[in-house]
Protein backbone atom coordinates (compact mmCIF):
# COMPACT_ATOMS: atom_id res chain seq x y z
CA MET A 1 66.81 93.57 81.87
CA ALA A 2 63.66 93.87 83.96
CA ALA A 3 64.53 97.09 85.85
CA GLY A 4 65.81 100.49 84.80
CA ASP A 5 67.74 103.21 86.62
CA ASP A 6 64.56 104.62 88.13
CA ASP A 7 63.71 101.22 89.68
CA LYS A 8 60.78 100.80 87.34
CA PRO A 9 60.77 97.64 85.24
CA THR A 10 62.04 98.35 81.77
CA VAL A 11 59.05 96.51 80.37
CA VAL A 12 55.83 94.96 81.62
CA VAL A 13 53.93 92.58 79.35
CA VAL A 14 50.16 92.14 79.32
CA MET A 15 48.87 88.96 77.64
CA VAL A 16 45.25 89.06 76.46
CA ALA A 17 43.94 85.68 75.32
CA LEU A 18 40.77 84.68 73.53
CA PRO A 19 39.04 82.40 76.06
CA LEU A 20 39.12 79.25 73.95
CA GLN A 21 41.40 76.38 74.98
CA GLY A 22 43.59 76.34 71.86
CA HIS A 23 44.24 80.07 72.19
CA LEU A 24 44.72 80.19 75.97
CA ASN A 25 47.19 77.32 75.91
CA GLN A 26 49.52 78.96 73.41
CA LEU A 27 49.72 82.30 75.22
CA LEU A 28 50.25 80.55 78.56
CA HIS A 29 53.27 78.78 77.06
CA LEU A 30 54.55 82.07 75.59
CA SER A 31 54.19 83.67 79.02
CA ARG A 32 56.62 81.10 80.41
CA LEU A 33 59.21 81.86 77.73
CA ILE A 34 59.08 85.63 78.23
CA SER A 35 58.91 85.49 82.04
CA ALA A 36 62.15 83.48 82.04
CA HIS A 37 63.84 86.78 81.14
CA ASN A 38 62.68 88.32 84.44
CA ILE A 39 59.92 90.25 82.73
CA PRO A 40 56.61 90.58 84.62
CA ILE A 41 53.69 89.02 82.74
CA HIS A 42 50.10 90.01 83.48
CA PHE A 43 47.92 87.28 81.97
CA VAL A 44 44.34 88.37 81.26
CA SER A 45 41.47 85.98 80.80
CA THR A 46 38.09 85.35 82.40
CA THR A 47 37.06 84.06 85.81
CA THR A 48 35.51 81.07 84.05
CA HIS A 49 38.28 80.05 81.67
CA SER A 50 41.62 80.93 83.24
CA PRO A 51 41.55 78.47 86.18
CA LEU A 52 40.71 75.47 84.01
CA ALA A 53 43.19 76.47 81.31
CA LYS A 54 45.91 76.43 83.97
CA LEU A 55 44.81 72.99 85.17
CA ARG A 56 44.87 71.69 81.60
CA LEU A 57 48.41 72.92 81.00
CA HIS A 58 51.15 70.30 80.72
CA GLY A 59 54.91 70.52 80.91
CA TRP A 60 55.13 73.16 83.66
CA ASN A 61 53.14 74.64 86.53
CA PRO A 62 51.98 78.25 85.91
CA ASN A 63 51.31 78.79 89.62
CA ALA A 64 54.99 78.20 90.40
CA VAL A 65 56.36 80.98 88.14
CA ASN A 66 57.05 84.13 90.12
CA HIS A 67 56.80 86.60 87.26
CA ILE A 68 53.33 85.61 85.97
CA PHE A 69 50.33 87.40 87.49
CA PHE A 70 46.81 86.30 86.58
CA HIS A 71 43.89 88.70 86.12
CA ASP A 72 40.65 86.71 85.92
CA LEU A 73 37.98 89.14 84.77
CA PRO A 74 34.21 88.64 84.77
CA ILE A 75 32.32 89.07 81.51
CA PHE A 76 29.18 91.15 81.54
CA PRO A 77 26.62 90.48 80.21
CA PRO A 78 27.01 86.79 81.09
CA ILE A 79 28.10 84.35 78.41
CA ILE A 80 25.45 82.43 76.50
CA ASN A 81 26.46 78.75 76.57
CA PRO A 82 24.66 76.56 74.05
CA ASN A 83 25.60 72.88 74.03
CA PRO A 84 27.67 71.56 71.10
CA ASN A 85 25.53 70.03 68.35
CA ASN A 86 26.85 66.51 67.75
CA ASN A 87 24.59 66.11 64.71
CA SER A 88 25.26 69.45 63.03
CA THR A 89 25.41 69.53 59.23
CA THR A 90 28.65 71.51 59.53
CA ASN A 91 31.70 70.79 61.66
CA PHE A 92 32.22 74.45 62.57
CA PRO A 93 31.65 74.90 66.35
CA SER A 94 29.00 77.62 66.11
CA HIS A 95 28.10 77.01 69.76
CA LEU A 96 31.34 78.84 70.70
CA HIS A 97 30.59 81.98 68.70
CA PRO A 98 28.55 83.62 71.51
CA LEU A 99 31.58 83.28 73.80
CA CYS A 100 33.82 85.07 71.30
CA GLU A 101 31.33 87.91 70.99
CA SER A 102 30.97 88.12 74.77
CA ALA A 103 34.74 88.30 75.19
CA THR A 104 34.77 91.66 73.40
CA HIS A 105 33.01 93.11 76.47
CA LEU A 106 36.33 92.80 78.31
CA ARG A 107 37.45 96.07 76.68
CA ARG A 108 36.62 98.30 79.66
CA PRO A 109 38.29 96.20 82.41
CA VAL A 110 41.32 95.58 80.16
CA ALA A 111 41.63 99.33 79.48
CA ALA A 112 41.49 99.96 83.25
CA LEU A 113 44.25 97.41 83.81
CA LEU A 114 46.43 98.99 81.13
CA ARG A 115 45.99 102.43 82.69
CA GLN A 116 46.91 100.98 86.08
CA LEU A 117 50.07 99.27 84.78
CA SER A 118 51.27 102.01 82.44
CA PRO A 119 52.91 104.19 85.17
CA THR A 120 54.72 101.16 86.64
CA ALA A 121 57.04 100.55 83.68
CA ARG A 122 59.01 102.46 81.10
CA ARG A 123 57.29 100.42 78.38
CA LEU A 124 53.98 98.57 78.47
CA VAL A 125 53.80 95.80 75.88
CA VAL A 126 50.43 94.25 75.05
CA ILE A 127 50.52 90.84 73.38
CA HIS A 128 47.00 89.95 72.36
CA ASP A 129 45.24 87.26 70.42
CA SER A 130 44.42 88.67 66.99
CA LEU A 131 40.77 87.86 67.74
CA MET A 132 40.88 90.08 70.85
CA SER A 133 42.18 93.15 69.01
CA SER A 134 39.15 95.31 69.77
CA VAL A 135 39.53 94.54 73.48
CA VAL A 136 43.01 96.11 73.70
CA GLN A 137 42.44 99.08 71.37
CA ASP A 138 42.74 101.63 74.20
CA PHE A 139 46.48 101.01 74.48
CA VAL A 140 46.85 103.76 71.85
CA SER A 141 45.94 106.37 74.48
CA LEU A 142 48.95 105.46 76.63
CA PRO A 143 52.25 107.14 75.74
CA ASN A 144 54.47 104.17 76.68
CA ALA A 145 52.33 101.33 75.27
CA GLU A 146 52.65 99.25 72.14
CA SER A 147 50.93 96.05 71.03
CA TYR A 148 51.72 92.86 69.11
CA ALA A 149 49.03 90.67 67.58
CA PHE A 150 49.42 86.95 68.18
CA HIS A 151 48.08 84.62 65.50
CA SER A 152 47.14 81.22 66.90
CA VAL A 153 47.38 79.42 63.54
CA SER A 154 50.21 78.45 61.20
CA ALA A 155 51.95 81.12 59.14
CA PHE A 156 50.81 79.13 56.10
CA ALA A 157 47.13 79.42 57.08
CA ILE A 158 47.24 83.10 58.05
CA GLY A 159 49.17 84.01 54.90
CA LEU A 160 46.53 82.39 52.72
CA PHE A 161 43.68 83.93 54.70
CA THR A 162 44.70 87.55 55.16
CA SER A 163 46.21 88.57 51.82
CA GLU A 164 45.28 87.71 48.25
CA LYS A 165 48.69 88.82 46.96
CA GLY A 166 50.61 87.04 49.72
CA GLY A 167 48.42 83.99 49.27
CA GLU A 168 49.31 83.81 45.58
CA ARG A 169 53.03 84.03 46.41
CA ILE A 170 52.64 81.25 48.98
CA ARG A 171 50.77 79.07 46.48
CA GLY A 172 53.63 79.60 44.04
CA LEU A 173 56.16 78.64 46.67
CA VAL A 174 54.48 75.37 47.54
CA LYS A 175 53.48 74.29 44.02
CA PRO A 176 56.64 72.12 43.67
CA CYS A 177 55.40 70.20 46.74
CA GLY A 178 52.55 68.81 44.66
CA LEU A 179 49.95 71.08 46.20
CA GLU A 180 47.28 71.97 43.66
CA LYS A 181 45.85 75.50 43.66
CA ASP A 182 42.32 74.20 44.15
CA GLU A 183 43.32 72.37 47.32
CA VAL A 184 44.08 75.63 49.11
CA SER A 185 40.77 77.13 50.16
CA PHE A 186 38.79 78.32 53.16
CA GLU A 187 35.48 77.32 51.61
CA GLY A 188 33.24 75.85 54.30
CA CYS A 189 35.84 76.36 57.03
CA PHE A 190 33.96 79.06 58.95
CA SER A 191 30.39 80.17 59.52
CA LYS A 192 29.45 83.47 57.87
CA GLU A 193 28.91 85.16 61.24
CA PHE A 194 32.33 84.09 62.47
CA LEU A 195 33.98 85.40 59.31
CA ARG A 196 32.41 88.76 60.10
CA PHE A 197 33.78 88.54 63.64
CA ILE A 198 37.30 87.79 62.34
CA ALA A 199 37.16 90.69 59.87
CA GLY A 200 36.11 93.12 62.60
CA GLN A 201 38.91 92.05 64.92
CA HIS A 202 41.56 92.17 62.19
CA GLU A 203 40.67 95.82 61.53
CA TYR A 204 41.74 96.66 65.09
CA ALA A 205 44.82 94.42 64.74
CA LYS A 206 46.18 97.03 62.30
CA LEU A 207 46.97 99.18 65.36
CA SER A 208 49.68 96.74 66.42
CA SER A 209 53.41 97.12 65.83
CA GLY A 210 53.81 93.58 64.55
CA ARG A 211 52.80 89.95 64.61
CA ILE A 212 53.87 86.96 66.68
CA TYR A 213 53.55 83.33 65.55
CA ASN A 214 53.84 80.05 67.39
CA THR A 215 55.95 78.58 64.63
CA CYS A 216 59.58 77.96 63.81
CA ARG A 217 61.74 78.94 60.86
CA VAL A 218 62.80 75.31 60.63
CA VAL A 219 59.15 74.57 59.78
CA GLU A 220 57.90 77.59 57.80
CA GLN A 221 60.86 79.72 56.72
CA PRO A 222 59.83 80.39 53.06
CA ILE A 223 56.28 81.27 54.14
CA LEU A 224 57.53 83.55 56.91
CA GLU A 225 59.70 85.37 54.38
CA VAL A 226 56.59 86.14 52.29
CA LEU A 227 54.77 87.43 55.38
CA GLU A 228 57.78 89.53 56.42
CA THR A 229 57.87 91.22 53.03
CA GLU A 230 54.16 92.01 53.33
CA ALA A 231 54.62 93.31 56.88
CA ARG A 232 57.41 95.67 55.77
CA ASN A 233 55.25 96.96 52.94
CA ASN A 234 52.32 97.42 55.30
CA GLY A 235 53.60 100.09 57.68
CA ASN A 236 57.05 98.57 58.23
CA LYS A 237 55.67 96.20 60.86
CA LEU A 238 57.71 93.48 62.53
CA LEU A 239 57.17 89.74 62.50
CA TRP A 240 58.40 87.25 65.09
CA ALA A 241 58.42 83.44 64.85
CA LEU A 242 59.02 82.45 68.47
CA GLY A 243 57.80 78.85 68.47
CA PRO A 244 57.48 76.21 69.48
CA PHE A 245 56.04 77.77 72.64
CA ASN A 246 55.42 74.40 74.31
CA PRO A 247 58.23 72.78 76.34
CA VAL A 248 60.19 70.32 74.20
CA ASN A 249 62.17 68.45 76.89
CA ILE A 250 59.16 66.55 78.22
CA ARG A 251 60.87 63.17 78.08
CA SER A 252 63.41 64.20 80.71
CA GLU A 253 61.24 66.58 82.69
CA SER A 254 57.97 64.71 83.34
CA ASN A 255 56.07 66.57 86.03
CA PHE A 256 53.88 64.56 88.39
CA SER A 257 53.70 67.28 91.03
CA ARG A 258 49.97 67.94 90.72
CA LYS A 259 47.54 66.26 93.05
CA ASP A 260 44.38 66.93 91.02
CA ASP A 261 42.55 64.54 88.72
CA GLY A 262 44.64 65.69 85.75
CA GLY A 263 47.76 64.38 87.49
CA ALA A 264 46.11 61.01 88.10
CA VAL A 265 45.08 60.73 84.45
CA GLU A 266 48.60 61.68 83.39
CA ILE A 267 50.15 58.96 85.52
CA ARG A 268 47.64 56.37 84.28
CA CYS A 269 48.35 57.22 80.62
CA LEU A 270 52.11 57.26 80.99
CA ASN A 271 52.21 54.07 83.07
CA TRP A 272 50.23 52.33 80.31
CA LEU A 273 52.54 53.72 77.62
CA ASP A 274 55.60 52.60 79.59
CA LYS A 275 54.52 48.99 78.98
CA GLN A 276 54.40 49.37 75.20
CA SER A 277 57.25 48.98 72.72
CA SER A 278 58.88 51.90 70.94
CA LYS A 279 56.78 53.73 68.29
CA SER A 280 54.01 51.11 68.55
CA VAL A 281 51.08 53.29 69.74
CA ILE A 282 48.91 55.73 67.79
CA PHE A 283 47.43 58.63 69.77
CA VAL A 284 43.90 59.57 68.65
CA SER A 285 42.46 62.92 69.69
CA PHE A 286 40.34 65.55 67.95
CA GLY A 287 40.67 68.65 70.13
CA THR A 288 38.23 70.69 72.17
CA THR A 289 35.86 72.19 69.60
CA THR A 290 34.38 69.22 67.73
CA SER A 291 31.84 66.63 68.83
CA PHE A 292 31.15 63.53 66.76
CA SER A 293 27.78 61.92 66.17
CA GLU A 294 27.11 58.61 67.90
CA GLN A 295 27.50 56.77 64.60
CA GLN A 296 30.85 58.39 63.85
CA ILE A 297 32.12 57.41 67.31
CA ILE A 298 31.11 53.82 66.58
CA GLU A 299 32.93 53.91 63.23
CA ILE A 300 36.12 55.17 64.89
CA ALA A 301 35.84 52.54 67.62
CA ILE A 302 35.42 49.69 65.14
CA GLY A 303 38.23 50.99 62.93
CA LEU A 304 40.68 51.23 65.82
CA GLU A 305 39.74 47.75 67.06
CA LYS A 306 40.14 46.14 63.63
CA SER A 307 43.44 47.89 62.90
CA ASP A 308 45.28 45.49 65.22
CA HIS A 309 47.49 48.36 66.41
CA LYS A 310 47.82 49.78 69.91
CA PHE A 311 46.16 53.11 70.61
CA VAL A 312 45.33 55.79 73.16
CA TRP A 313 41.97 57.33 72.23
CA VAL A 314 40.61 60.50 73.84
CA VAL A 315 36.80 60.35 73.73
CA ARG A 316 35.25 63.65 74.79
CA ASP A 317 32.52 66.03 73.71
CA ALA A 318 33.50 69.53 72.62
CA ASP A 319 33.95 72.21 75.25
CA ARG A 320 30.99 74.42 75.96
CA GLY A 321 31.52 78.16 76.03
CA ASP A 322 32.01 78.06 79.80
CA PHE A 323 34.20 74.89 79.62
CA ALA A 324 31.56 73.11 81.74
CA ARG A 325 30.18 69.73 80.87
CA ASP A 326 27.71 67.23 82.26
CA ASP A 327 29.94 64.52 83.68
CA THR A 328 27.09 62.02 83.61
CA ASN A 329 26.67 62.40 79.84
CA HIS A 330 29.46 60.11 78.64
CA VAL A 331 30.05 59.40 74.98
CA GLU A 332 28.69 55.90 74.37
CA LEU A 333 30.99 53.23 72.93
CA PRO A 334 29.87 49.84 71.61
CA LYS A 335 28.87 47.46 74.40
CA GLY A 336 31.87 45.68 75.90
CA TYR A 337 34.29 47.67 73.75
CA GLU A 338 36.71 48.81 76.45
CA ASP A 339 36.99 45.26 77.85
CA ARG A 340 37.69 43.85 74.40
CA VAL A 341 40.49 46.30 73.62
CA LYS A 342 41.99 46.69 77.11
CA ASP A 343 45.17 44.76 76.23
CA ARG A 344 46.07 47.08 73.35
CA GLY A 345 43.89 50.16 73.69
CA LEU A 346 43.43 52.84 76.34
CA VAL A 347 40.26 54.95 76.23
CA VAL A 348 40.61 58.30 78.01
CA ARG A 349 37.45 60.27 78.81
CA GLU A 350 39.07 62.95 80.97
CA TRP A 351 41.45 65.74 79.96
CA ALA A 352 44.45 63.92 78.47
CA PRO A 353 48.10 64.95 78.94
CA GLN A 354 48.63 65.39 75.19
CA LEU A 355 52.10 66.90 75.36
CA HIS A 356 53.39 64.08 77.58
CA ILE A 357 51.73 61.43 75.41
CA LEU A 358 53.25 62.78 72.19
CA ALA A 359 56.66 62.93 73.86
CA HIS A 360 56.51 59.33 75.05
CA PRO A 361 58.88 56.99 73.15
CA SER A 362 56.16 54.37 72.61
CA VAL A 363 54.01 56.81 70.56
CA GLY A 364 54.66 56.56 66.83
CA GLY A 365 51.69 58.38 65.31
CA PHE A 366 48.92 60.88 65.93
CA MET A 367 45.43 60.88 64.40
CA SER A 368 44.50 64.53 64.77
CA HIS A 369 42.09 67.29 63.76
CA CYS A 370 45.15 69.44 62.97
CA GLY A 371 44.46 72.34 65.27
CA TRP A 372 47.69 74.32 65.35
CA ASN A 373 48.43 73.46 68.99
CA SER A 374 48.30 69.78 68.11
CA CYS A 375 50.33 70.21 64.92
CA ILE A 376 53.18 72.15 66.51
CA GLU A 377 53.28 69.84 69.55
CA SER A 378 53.37 66.75 67.33
CA ILE A 379 56.02 68.25 65.04
CA SER A 380 58.19 69.30 67.98
CA MET A 381 58.05 65.75 69.34
CA GLY A 382 58.82 64.16 65.96
CA VAL A 383 55.47 62.34 65.61
CA PRO A 384 53.79 61.96 62.16
CA ILE A 385 50.12 62.84 61.71
CA ALA A 386 47.10 61.13 60.20
CA ALA A 387 45.22 64.34 59.46
CA TRP A 388 41.45 64.58 59.90
CA PRO A 389 40.67 68.33 59.74
CA MET A 390 37.28 69.61 60.88
CA HIS A 391 37.01 73.40 60.39
CA SER A 392 38.70 76.83 60.59
CA ASP A 393 42.45 76.75 59.91
CA GLN A 394 42.64 72.97 60.28
CA PRO A 395 42.25 72.01 56.58
CA ASN A 396 45.14 74.27 55.60
CA ASN A 397 47.25 73.20 58.58
CA ALA A 398 46.65 69.66 57.34
CA LEU A 399 47.94 70.58 53.88
CA LEU A 400 51.07 72.08 55.46
CA VAL A 401 51.68 68.87 57.41
CA THR A 402 50.92 66.43 54.60
CA LYS A 403 51.85 68.09 51.31
CA ILE A 404 54.60 70.54 52.27
CA LEU A 405 56.33 69.05 55.31
CA LYS A 406 55.38 65.50 54.24
CA VAL A 407 55.14 64.22 57.81
CA GLY A 408 51.63 62.83 57.47
CA PHE A 409 48.70 62.10 55.18
CA LEU A 410 45.01 62.97 54.96
CA VAL A 411 42.55 60.55 56.51
CA LYS A 412 39.71 62.48 54.95
CA ASP A 413 39.87 64.76 51.91
CA TRP A 414 38.32 68.05 53.04
CA PHE A 415 36.73 68.73 49.65
CA LEU A 416 34.88 65.43 49.44
CA GLY A 417 32.44 66.88 51.93
CA GLU A 418 31.48 63.48 53.35
CA LYS A 419 30.35 63.82 56.94
CA MET A 420 30.95 60.21 57.93
CA VAL A 421 34.34 58.49 57.89
CA ALA A 422 33.83 54.75 57.70
CA ALA A 423 35.44 52.26 60.07
CA THR A 424 37.33 50.77 57.11
CA THR A 425 38.92 54.18 56.42
CA VAL A 426 39.96 54.55 60.06
CA GLU A 427 41.37 51.02 60.04
CA LYS A 428 43.34 51.56 56.81
CA SER A 429 44.65 54.93 58.03
CA VAL A 430 46.00 53.44 61.26
CA ARG A 431 47.67 50.61 59.38
CA ARG A 432 49.09 53.02 56.81
CA LEU A 433 50.71 55.21 59.47
CA MET A 434 51.74 52.52 61.94
CA GLY A 435 52.40 49.42 59.85
CA SER A 436 53.57 50.36 56.36
CA LYS A 437 56.83 51.35 54.71
CA GLU A 438 55.23 54.67 53.73
CA GLY A 439 54.30 55.31 57.35
CA GLU A 440 57.83 54.49 58.47
CA GLU A 441 59.24 56.99 55.95
CA MET A 442 56.86 59.67 57.28
CA ARG A 443 57.94 58.83 60.81
CA ASN A 444 61.60 59.15 59.87
CA ARG A 445 60.97 62.57 58.31
CA ALA A 446 59.00 63.63 61.38
CA VAL A 447 61.84 62.55 63.67
CA VAL A 448 64.35 64.59 61.66
CA LEU A 449 62.05 67.65 61.58
CA GLY A 450 61.32 67.33 65.30
CA ARG A 451 65.02 67.15 66.08
CA GLY A 452 65.57 70.36 64.13
CA VAL A 453 62.69 72.10 65.91
CA ARG A 454 63.96 71.07 69.35
CA LYS A 455 67.45 72.23 68.43
CA SER A 456 66.02 75.62 67.42
CA VAL A 457 65.01 76.47 71.00
CA ARG A 458 68.39 75.66 72.53
CA ASP A 459 71.26 78.09 72.92
CA ASN A 460 72.15 79.64 69.55
CA GLY A 461 69.17 77.93 67.92
CA VAL A 462 67.15 79.98 65.44
CA SER A 463 64.05 80.23 67.66
CA GLN A 464 66.09 81.04 70.75
CA ILE A 465 67.94 83.79 68.88
CA GLU A 466 64.62 85.19 67.62
CA LEU A 467 63.14 85.16 71.13
CA GLU A 468 66.18 86.99 72.49
CA SER A 469 65.83 89.49 69.66
CA PHE A 470 62.18 90.05 70.57
CA ILE A 471 63.06 90.50 74.25
CA ALA A 472 65.75 93.03 73.32
CA HIS A 473 63.30 94.87 71.09
CA ILE A 474 60.55 95.29 73.69
CA SER A 475 63.17 96.17 76.35
CA ARG A 476 64.91 98.78 74.22
């Protein structure tokens, strides 16, 4: 499939990722899936973000895959890197907006790379984050190039966001699930300046031949059908649901081959989980873009302690734009806290092996911000979610998880607008998910859904068939 009669590869793929962790991670996983078909992948990111994104990856080693080539490009002018504001009046990570704007300056080096690669293949396929659409726009000048926009969020969220007509159809579809019209909204989810950034990038995304989603028809089939109808009516574009991108056989393929600190943290977490009983531990993590105030951290700590359930809690500040952090500036927990909870709680301050933790048989729940990476990983591992959305697509991802799929519940109602979640709410949420009949029913539904998702990526599974169809299409 990779080579034609003239010894040129039939197709070469260029991946262009937005340099934020949740976006980089998904396209790295997709690179693995496509490269398994002997297709060369040229992965484009920045000199600052690509190396750490590879270190943070779990489930496979990107440096051991022969067909993936990394292009780490400098950004000029240099990125402005404000610190995250732990006491902001809004949860939106505005400190990362300068990075997104800076990333658009990669257009010239990306165009040069495309011109360099174009003569080496019969077809040059550009798969780009939808928020990097302006960066890849010069593909249109190459006779053998085509592009596909990758959306890093759920089909549910993008359908509601991008089309009023499609959004109304989706609302009609999910009304029987008990989802009220007023619950579906993007009010307060983004800053005004970031909405302008999204709109500008989506204009360039119209140049693409189709869209790719990290989702599965087992999870979002009715919503995908709405989006496919819209895509056909909008220039007869194609839509591909190729997820889950992340490896799903983690339980049998744990990888301890790394010698860096991430490997040590992974072993420590999994060794601790090995000592716990089945489905007894809740994993608590809120992603890479949100920092809590000191008081909110204290409330979470007290709630977890009083819940009387076992937990693994990732306590970290949000990433800065350059992924750097001051290692001496640790998030403060109540005095003596870690000693008090050491028999039933593990506090992790480093980068946690989330995929391996969710796959571990002792984990029975996930308190999450509902970033799409976390949602799809949790769903694919059959773990129910206590949803605590913060910003962006997360509130609508949370509605998908809780109201439509019914594999979780909301810790905090997005529309209440309360900035502080009390320790009593955290405590009750943990007990509801981990120690109630309702929680057990959610867990059973999550296990069934996860089994279906994992089956979809095996031979003759719906996601595997769709991936093979995509490979055949770009190799035509």
